[in-house]
Amino acid sequence: MGKEKSLYELQAEICKILASPKRIEIIAALKDGEKTVTELVEILETPKANVSQHLSVMRLKGILKSRRDGVNIYYSIANPKVVKACALMNEVLAELLMERSRIANLFAKA
């Protein structure tokens, strides 16, 4: 059970990291390939210091990887399954919202 608990703790830690909407936006922005910090700042319309802080946390936890090329630092998804996991969660949420809407419509007609 000790190994399982450890795995659950790691999963919870990753889920905490991904609990930020801005970090999920970063994953979406990087799903098609690496980008520089400057590109991410433009895409996310967020101050550079804020984006850099999110990137640093995500890199330290192994969600992102980075490489330096001259003055630029490029970030990319460390494991493509992270993108798949976020896409799957989007599907779950879309189904949940559709079901709630269906139920609300039933009550509205009653």
N, C-alpha and C. Protein backbone atom coordinates (compact mmCIF):
# COMPACT_ATOMS: atom_id res chain seq x y z
N MET A 1 0.82 -1.20 0.00
CA MET A 1 0.00 0.00 0.00
C MET A 1 0.86 1.26 0.00
N GLY A 2 2.08 1.16 0.53
CA GLY A 2 2.96 2.33 0.59
C GLY A 2 3.26 2.93 -0.76
N LYS A 3 3.53 2.07 -1.77
CA LYS A 3 3.81 2.56 -3.11
C LYS A 3 2.58 3.21 -3.72
N GLU A 4 1.40 2.61 -3.49
CA GLU A 4 0.17 3.17 -4.02
C GLU A 4 -0.09 4.56 -3.44
N LYS A 5 0.09 4.68 -2.13
CA LYS A 5 -0.13 5.97 -1.50
C LYS A 5 0.83 7.00 -2.09
N SER A 6 2.04 6.63 -2.32
CA SER A 6 3.01 7.52 -2.91
C SER A 6 2.57 7.96 -4.31
N LEU A 7 2.06 7.02 -5.09
CA LEU A 7 1.57 7.35 -6.42
C LEU A 7 0.36 8.29 -6.35
N TYR A 8 -0.53 8.05 -5.40
CA TYR A 8 -1.70 8.92 -5.22
C TYR A 8 -1.27 10.32 -4.81
N GLU A 9 -0.27 10.39 -3.96
CA GLU A 9 0.24 11.70 -3.54
C GLU A 9 0.85 12.46 -4.71
N LEU A 10 1.60 11.76 -5.56
CA LEU A 10 2.16 12.41 -6.74
C LEU A 10 1.07 12.88 -7.69
N GLN A 11 0.05 12.05 -7.87
CA GLN A 11 -1.06 12.43 -8.74
C GLN A 11 -1.77 13.68 -8.18
N ALA A 12 -1.99 13.71 -6.89
CA ALA A 12 -2.64 14.86 -6.26
C ALA A 12 -1.79 16.12 -6.44
N GLU A 13 -0.48 15.96 -6.34
CA GLU A 13 0.43 17.10 -6.51
C GLU A 13 0.33 17.66 -7.93
N ILE A 14 0.29 16.79 -8.92
CA ILE A 14 0.16 17.23 -10.31
C ILE A 14 -1.20 17.89 -10.52
N CYS A 15 -2.24 17.31 -9.94
CA CYS A 15 -3.58 17.91 -10.05
C CYS A 15 -3.61 19.30 -9.43
N LYS A 16 -2.90 19.49 -8.32
CA LYS A 16 -2.83 20.82 -7.70
C LYS A 16 -2.16 21.81 -8.65
N ILE A 17 -1.11 21.37 -9.30
CA ILE A 17 -0.40 22.24 -10.25
C ILE A 17 -1.34 22.63 -11.39
N LEU A 18 -2.14 21.68 -11.84
CA LEU A 18 -3.04 21.93 -12.97
C LEU A 18 -4.36 22.56 -12.54
N ALA A 19 -4.51 22.89 -11.26
CA ALA A 19 -5.73 23.51 -10.77
C ALA A 19 -5.83 24.99 -11.16
N SER A 20 -4.79 25.53 -11.73
CA SER A 20 -4.78 26.93 -12.15
C SER A 20 -5.25 27.05 -13.60
N PRO A 21 -6.28 27.86 -13.85
CA PRO A 21 -6.73 28.07 -15.23
C PRO A 21 -5.62 28.56 -16.15
N LYS A 22 -4.74 29.40 -15.64
CA LYS A 22 -3.65 29.93 -16.46
C LYS A 22 -2.69 28.82 -16.88
N ARG A 23 -2.46 27.86 -16.00
CA ARG A 23 -1.56 26.74 -16.34
C ARG A 23 -2.20 25.83 -17.38
N ILE A 24 -3.51 25.68 -17.30
CA ILE A 24 -4.20 24.89 -18.33
C ILE A 24 -4.14 25.63 -19.66
N GLU A 25 -4.24 26.95 -19.63
CA GLU A 25 -4.08 27.75 -20.85
C GLU A 25 -2.69 27.56 -21.44
N ILE A 26 -1.69 27.50 -20.58
CA ILE A 26 -0.30 27.29 -21.04
C ILE A 26 -0.20 25.94 -21.75
N ILE A 27 -0.78 24.92 -21.17
CA ILE A 27 -0.76 23.60 -21.82
C ILE A 27 -1.43 23.66 -23.18
N ALA A 28 -2.57 24.34 -23.25
CA ALA A 28 -3.27 24.47 -24.53
C ALA A 28 -2.42 25.22 -25.55
N ALA A 29 -1.71 26.25 -25.10
CA ALA A 29 -0.86 27.03 -26.00
C ALA A 29 0.33 26.22 -26.50
N LEU A 30 0.78 25.26 -25.70
CA LEU A 30 1.96 24.47 -26.06
C LEU A 30 1.61 23.13 -26.71
N LYS A 31 0.34 22.82 -26.85
CA LYS A 31 -0.05 21.50 -27.35
C LYS A 31 0.45 21.23 -28.77
N ASP A 32 0.65 22.26 -29.56
CA ASP A 32 1.10 22.07 -30.94
C ASP A 32 2.60 22.30 -31.13
N GLY A 33 3.30 22.55 -30.04
CA GLY A 33 4.74 22.71 -30.16
C GLY A 33 5.29 23.77 -29.22
N GLU A 34 6.62 23.82 -29.16
CA GLU A 34 7.28 24.71 -28.22
C GLU A 34 7.09 26.17 -28.58
N LYS A 35 7.18 27.00 -27.54
CA LYS A 35 7.05 28.44 -27.71
C LYS A 35 7.99 29.13 -26.73
N THR A 36 8.36 30.34 -27.08
CA THR A 36 9.19 31.14 -26.17
C THR A 36 8.30 31.78 -25.11
N VAL A 37 8.92 32.29 -24.09
CA VAL A 37 8.20 33.00 -23.04
C VAL A 37 7.46 34.19 -23.65
N THR A 38 8.13 34.92 -24.54
CA THR A 38 7.53 36.08 -25.18
C THR A 38 6.28 35.70 -25.97
N GLU A 39 6.35 34.59 -26.70
CA GLU A 39 5.17 34.12 -27.45
C GLU A 39 4.03 33.77 -26.50
N LEU A 40 4.36 33.12 -25.40
CA LEU A 40 3.33 32.75 -24.43
C LEU A 40 2.70 33.98 -23.77
N VAL A 41 3.50 34.99 -23.49
CA VAL A 41 3.00 36.24 -22.92
C VAL A 41 1.97 36.86 -23.87
N GLU A 42 2.28 36.86 -25.15
CA GLU A 42 1.36 37.43 -26.15
C GLU A 42 0.08 36.60 -26.25
N ILE A 43 0.21 35.29 -26.30
CA ILE A 43 -0.95 34.41 -26.43
C ILE A 43 -1.86 34.52 -25.21
N LEU A 44 -1.26 34.50 -24.02
CA LEU A 44 -2.03 34.48 -22.78
C LEU A 44 -2.47 35.87 -22.32
N GLU A 45 -1.87 36.91 -22.93
CA GLU A 45 -2.16 38.29 -22.53
C GLU A 45 -2.00 38.46 -21.02
N THR A 46 -0.87 37.99 -20.54
CA THR A 46 -0.55 38.00 -19.12
C THR A 46 0.86 38.56 -18.95
N PRO A 47 1.12 39.30 -17.87
CA PRO A 47 2.48 39.84 -17.67
C PRO A 47 3.55 38.75 -17.67
N LYS A 48 4.71 39.12 -18.18
CA LYS A 48 5.82 38.17 -18.30
C LYS A 48 6.20 37.53 -16.97
N ALA A 49 6.22 38.31 -15.91
CA ALA A 49 6.60 37.77 -14.59
C ALA A 49 5.63 36.67 -14.16
N ASN A 50 4.35 36.87 -14.42
CA ASN A 50 3.33 35.88 -14.05
C ASN A 50 3.50 34.61 -14.87
N VAL A 51 3.68 34.76 -16.19
CA VAL A 51 3.87 33.60 -17.07
C VAL A 51 5.13 32.85 -16.67
N SER A 52 6.20 33.56 -16.43
CA SER A 52 7.46 32.93 -16.04
C SER A 52 7.32 32.12 -14.75
N GLN A 53 6.56 32.66 -13.80
CA GLN A 53 6.36 31.95 -12.54
C GLN A 53 5.61 30.63 -12.78
N HIS A 54 4.55 30.67 -13.58
CA HIS A 54 3.81 29.45 -13.89
C HIS A 54 4.70 28.44 -14.62
N LEU A 55 5.46 28.92 -15.59
CA LEU A 55 6.34 28.03 -16.35
C LEU A 55 7.37 27.37 -15.45
N SER A 56 7.91 28.13 -14.53
CA SER A 56 8.92 27.60 -13.62
C SER A 56 8.35 26.46 -12.77
N VAL A 57 7.17 26.68 -12.19
CA VAL A 57 6.54 25.66 -11.36
C VAL A 57 6.25 24.41 -12.19
N MET A 58 5.72 24.61 -13.39
CA MET A 58 5.36 23.46 -14.24
C MET A 58 6.60 22.69 -14.69
N ARG A 59 7.69 23.41 -14.93
CA ARG A 59 8.94 22.74 -15.32
C ARG A 59 9.52 21.96 -14.15
N LEU A 60 9.51 22.55 -12.97
CA LEU A 60 10.04 21.87 -11.80
C LEU A 60 9.27 20.59 -11.47
N LYS A 61 7.99 20.56 -11.76
CA LYS A 61 7.16 19.39 -11.48
C LYS A 61 7.15 18.40 -12.65
N GLY A 62 7.88 18.69 -13.71
CA GLY A 62 8.01 17.75 -14.81
C GLY A 62 6.91 17.79 -15.86
N ILE A 63 6.06 18.81 -15.78
CA ILE A 63 4.98 18.93 -16.76
C ILE A 63 5.51 19.54 -18.05
N LEU A 64 6.44 20.48 -17.90
CA LEU A 64 7.06 21.13 -19.06
C LEU A 64 8.56 20.86 -19.07
N LYS A 65 9.14 21.04 -20.23
CA LYS A 65 10.59 21.02 -20.34
C LYS A 65 10.99 22.30 -21.06
N SER A 66 12.25 22.68 -20.91
CA SER A 66 12.71 23.92 -21.53
C SER A 66 14.07 23.70 -22.17
N ARG A 67 14.36 24.57 -23.12
CA ARG A 67 15.68 24.59 -23.73
C ARG A 67 16.04 26.03 -24.05
N ARG A 68 17.30 26.33 -23.94
CA ARG A 68 17.79 27.69 -24.22
C ARG A 68 18.42 27.72 -25.61
N ASP A 69 18.09 28.77 -26.35
CA ASP A 69 18.70 29.01 -27.66
C ASP A 69 19.06 30.49 -27.71
N GLY A 70 20.30 30.80 -27.42
CA GLY A 70 20.72 32.20 -27.33
C GLY A 70 20.05 32.86 -26.14
N VAL A 71 19.32 33.95 -26.40
CA VAL A 71 18.64 34.66 -25.31
C VAL A 71 17.24 34.12 -25.04
N ASN A 72 16.76 33.26 -25.93
CA ASN A 72 15.40 32.74 -25.80
C ASN A 72 15.36 31.41 -25.04
N ILE A 73 14.32 31.26 -24.24
CA ILE A 73 14.04 29.98 -23.60
C ILE A 73 12.75 29.46 -24.20
N TYR A 74 12.81 28.24 -24.71
CA TYR A 74 11.65 27.61 -25.34
C TYR A 74 11.07 26.58 -24.38
N TYR A 75 9.76 26.60 -24.25
CA TYR A 75 9.07 25.64 -23.39
C TYR A 75 8.22 24.71 -24.24
N SER A 76 8.11 23.47 -23.78
CA SER A 76 7.27 22.48 -24.46
C SER A 76 6.74 21.50 -23.42
N ILE A 77 5.75 20.73 -23.84
CA ILE A 77 5.13 19.73 -22.97
C ILE A 77 6.12 18.58 -22.80
N ALA A 78 6.37 18.18 -21.57
CA ALA A 78 7.32 17.10 -21.30
C ALA A 78 6.78 15.74 -21.72
N ASN A 79 5.47 15.54 -21.56
CA ASN A 79 4.85 14.27 -21.92
C ASN A 79 3.52 14.56 -22.60
N PRO A 80 3.35 14.14 -23.86
CA PRO A 80 2.12 14.45 -24.60
C PRO A 80 0.84 13.93 -23.93
N LYS A 81 0.98 12.99 -23.02
CA LYS A 81 -0.20 12.47 -22.33
C LYS A 81 -0.84 13.53 -21.43
N VAL A 82 -0.08 14.56 -21.05
CA VAL A 82 -0.64 15.66 -20.27
C VAL A 82 -1.70 16.37 -21.10
N VAL A 83 -1.41 16.58 -22.38
CA VAL A 83 -2.37 17.22 -23.28
C VAL A 83 -3.61 16.34 -23.42
N LYS A 84 -3.39 15.03 -23.56
CA LYS A 84 -4.52 14.09 -23.65
C LYS A 84 -5.36 14.12 -22.39
N ALA A 85 -4.72 14.18 -21.23
CA ALA A 85 -5.45 14.22 -19.96
C ALA A 85 -6.31 15.47 -19.87
N CYS A 86 -5.77 16.60 -20.29
CA CYS A 86 -6.54 17.86 -20.27
C CYS A 86 -7.70 17.80 -21.26
N ALA A 87 -7.47 17.21 -22.43
CA ALA A 87 -8.54 17.07 -23.42
C ALA A 87 -9.65 16.16 -22.89
N LEU A 88 -9.27 15.08 -22.23
CA LEU A 88 -10.26 14.16 -21.65
C LEU A 88 -11.08 14.86 -20.58
N MET A 89 -10.43 15.67 -19.75
CA MET A 89 -11.16 16.41 -18.72
C MET A 89 -12.13 17.41 -19.37
N ASN A 90 -11.73 18.03 -20.47
CA ASN A 90 -12.63 18.93 -21.19
C ASN A 90 -13.87 18.19 -21.67
N GLU A 91 -13.69 16.97 -22.17
CA GLU A 91 -14.82 16.17 -22.62
C GLU A 91 -15.76 15.85 -21.45
N VAL A 92 -15.19 15.46 -20.32
CA VAL A 92 -15.99 15.15 -19.13
C VAL A 92 -16.80 16.38 -18.72
N LEU A 93 -16.16 17.53 -18.70
CA LEU A 93 -16.84 18.76 -18.28
C LEU A 93 -17.93 19.15 -19.28
N ALA A 94 -17.67 18.99 -20.57
CA ALA A 94 -18.68 19.31 -21.58
C ALA A 94 -19.90 18.42 -21.41
N GLU A 95 -19.69 17.13 -21.15
CA GLU A 95 -20.80 16.20 -20.93
C GLU A 95 -21.57 16.58 -19.67
N LEU A 96 -20.87 16.94 -18.63
CA LEU A 96 -21.50 17.34 -17.38
C LEU A 96 -22.37 18.58 -17.58
N LEU A 97 -21.83 19.58 -18.30
CA LEU A 97 -22.59 20.80 -18.55
C LEU A 97 -23.82 20.52 -19.42
N MET A 98 -23.69 19.65 -20.40
CA MET A 98 -24.83 19.30 -21.24
C MET A 98 -25.91 18.61 -20.42
N GLU A 99 -25.51 17.72 -19.52
CA GLU A 99 -26.47 17.01 -18.68
C GLU A 99 -27.18 18.00 -17.74
N ARG A 100 -26.44 18.90 -17.16
CA ARG A 100 -27.04 19.91 -16.27
C ARG A 100 -28.02 20.78 -17.04
N SER A 101 -27.65 21.14 -18.25
CA SER A 101 -28.53 21.96 -19.09
C SER A 101 -29.81 21.20 -19.41
N ARG A 102 -29.68 19.92 -19.72
CA ARG A 102 -30.84 19.08 -20.03
C ARG A 102 -31.78 19.01 -18.83
N ILE A 103 -31.21 18.82 -17.65
CA ILE A 103 -32.02 18.75 -16.43
C ILE A 103 -32.70 20.09 -16.15
N ALA A 104 -31.98 21.17 -16.33
CA ALA A 104 -32.57 22.50 -16.12
C ALA A 104 -33.71 22.75 -17.08
N ASN A 105 -33.58 22.31 -18.33
CA ASN A 105 -34.64 22.48 -19.31
C ASN A 105 -35.89 21.66 -18.93
N LEU A 106 -35.67 20.48 -18.37
CA LEU A 106 -36.80 19.65 -17.92
C LEU A 106 -37.58 20.35 -16.81
N PHE A 107 -36.85 20.95 -15.86
CA PHE A 107 -37.51 21.65 -14.76
C PHE A 107 -38.20 22.92 -15.25
N ALA A 108 -37.61 23.58 -16.22
CA ALA A 108 -38.20 24.80 -16.75
C ALA A 108 -39.52 24.53 -17.45
N LYS A 109 -39.64 23.36 -18.10
CA LYS A 109 -40.86 22.98 -18.82
C LYS A 109 -41.95 22.50 -17.87
N ALA A 110 -41.56 22.05 -16.68
CA ALA A 110 -42.54 21.49 -15.73
C ALA A 110 -43.35 22.54 -15.01
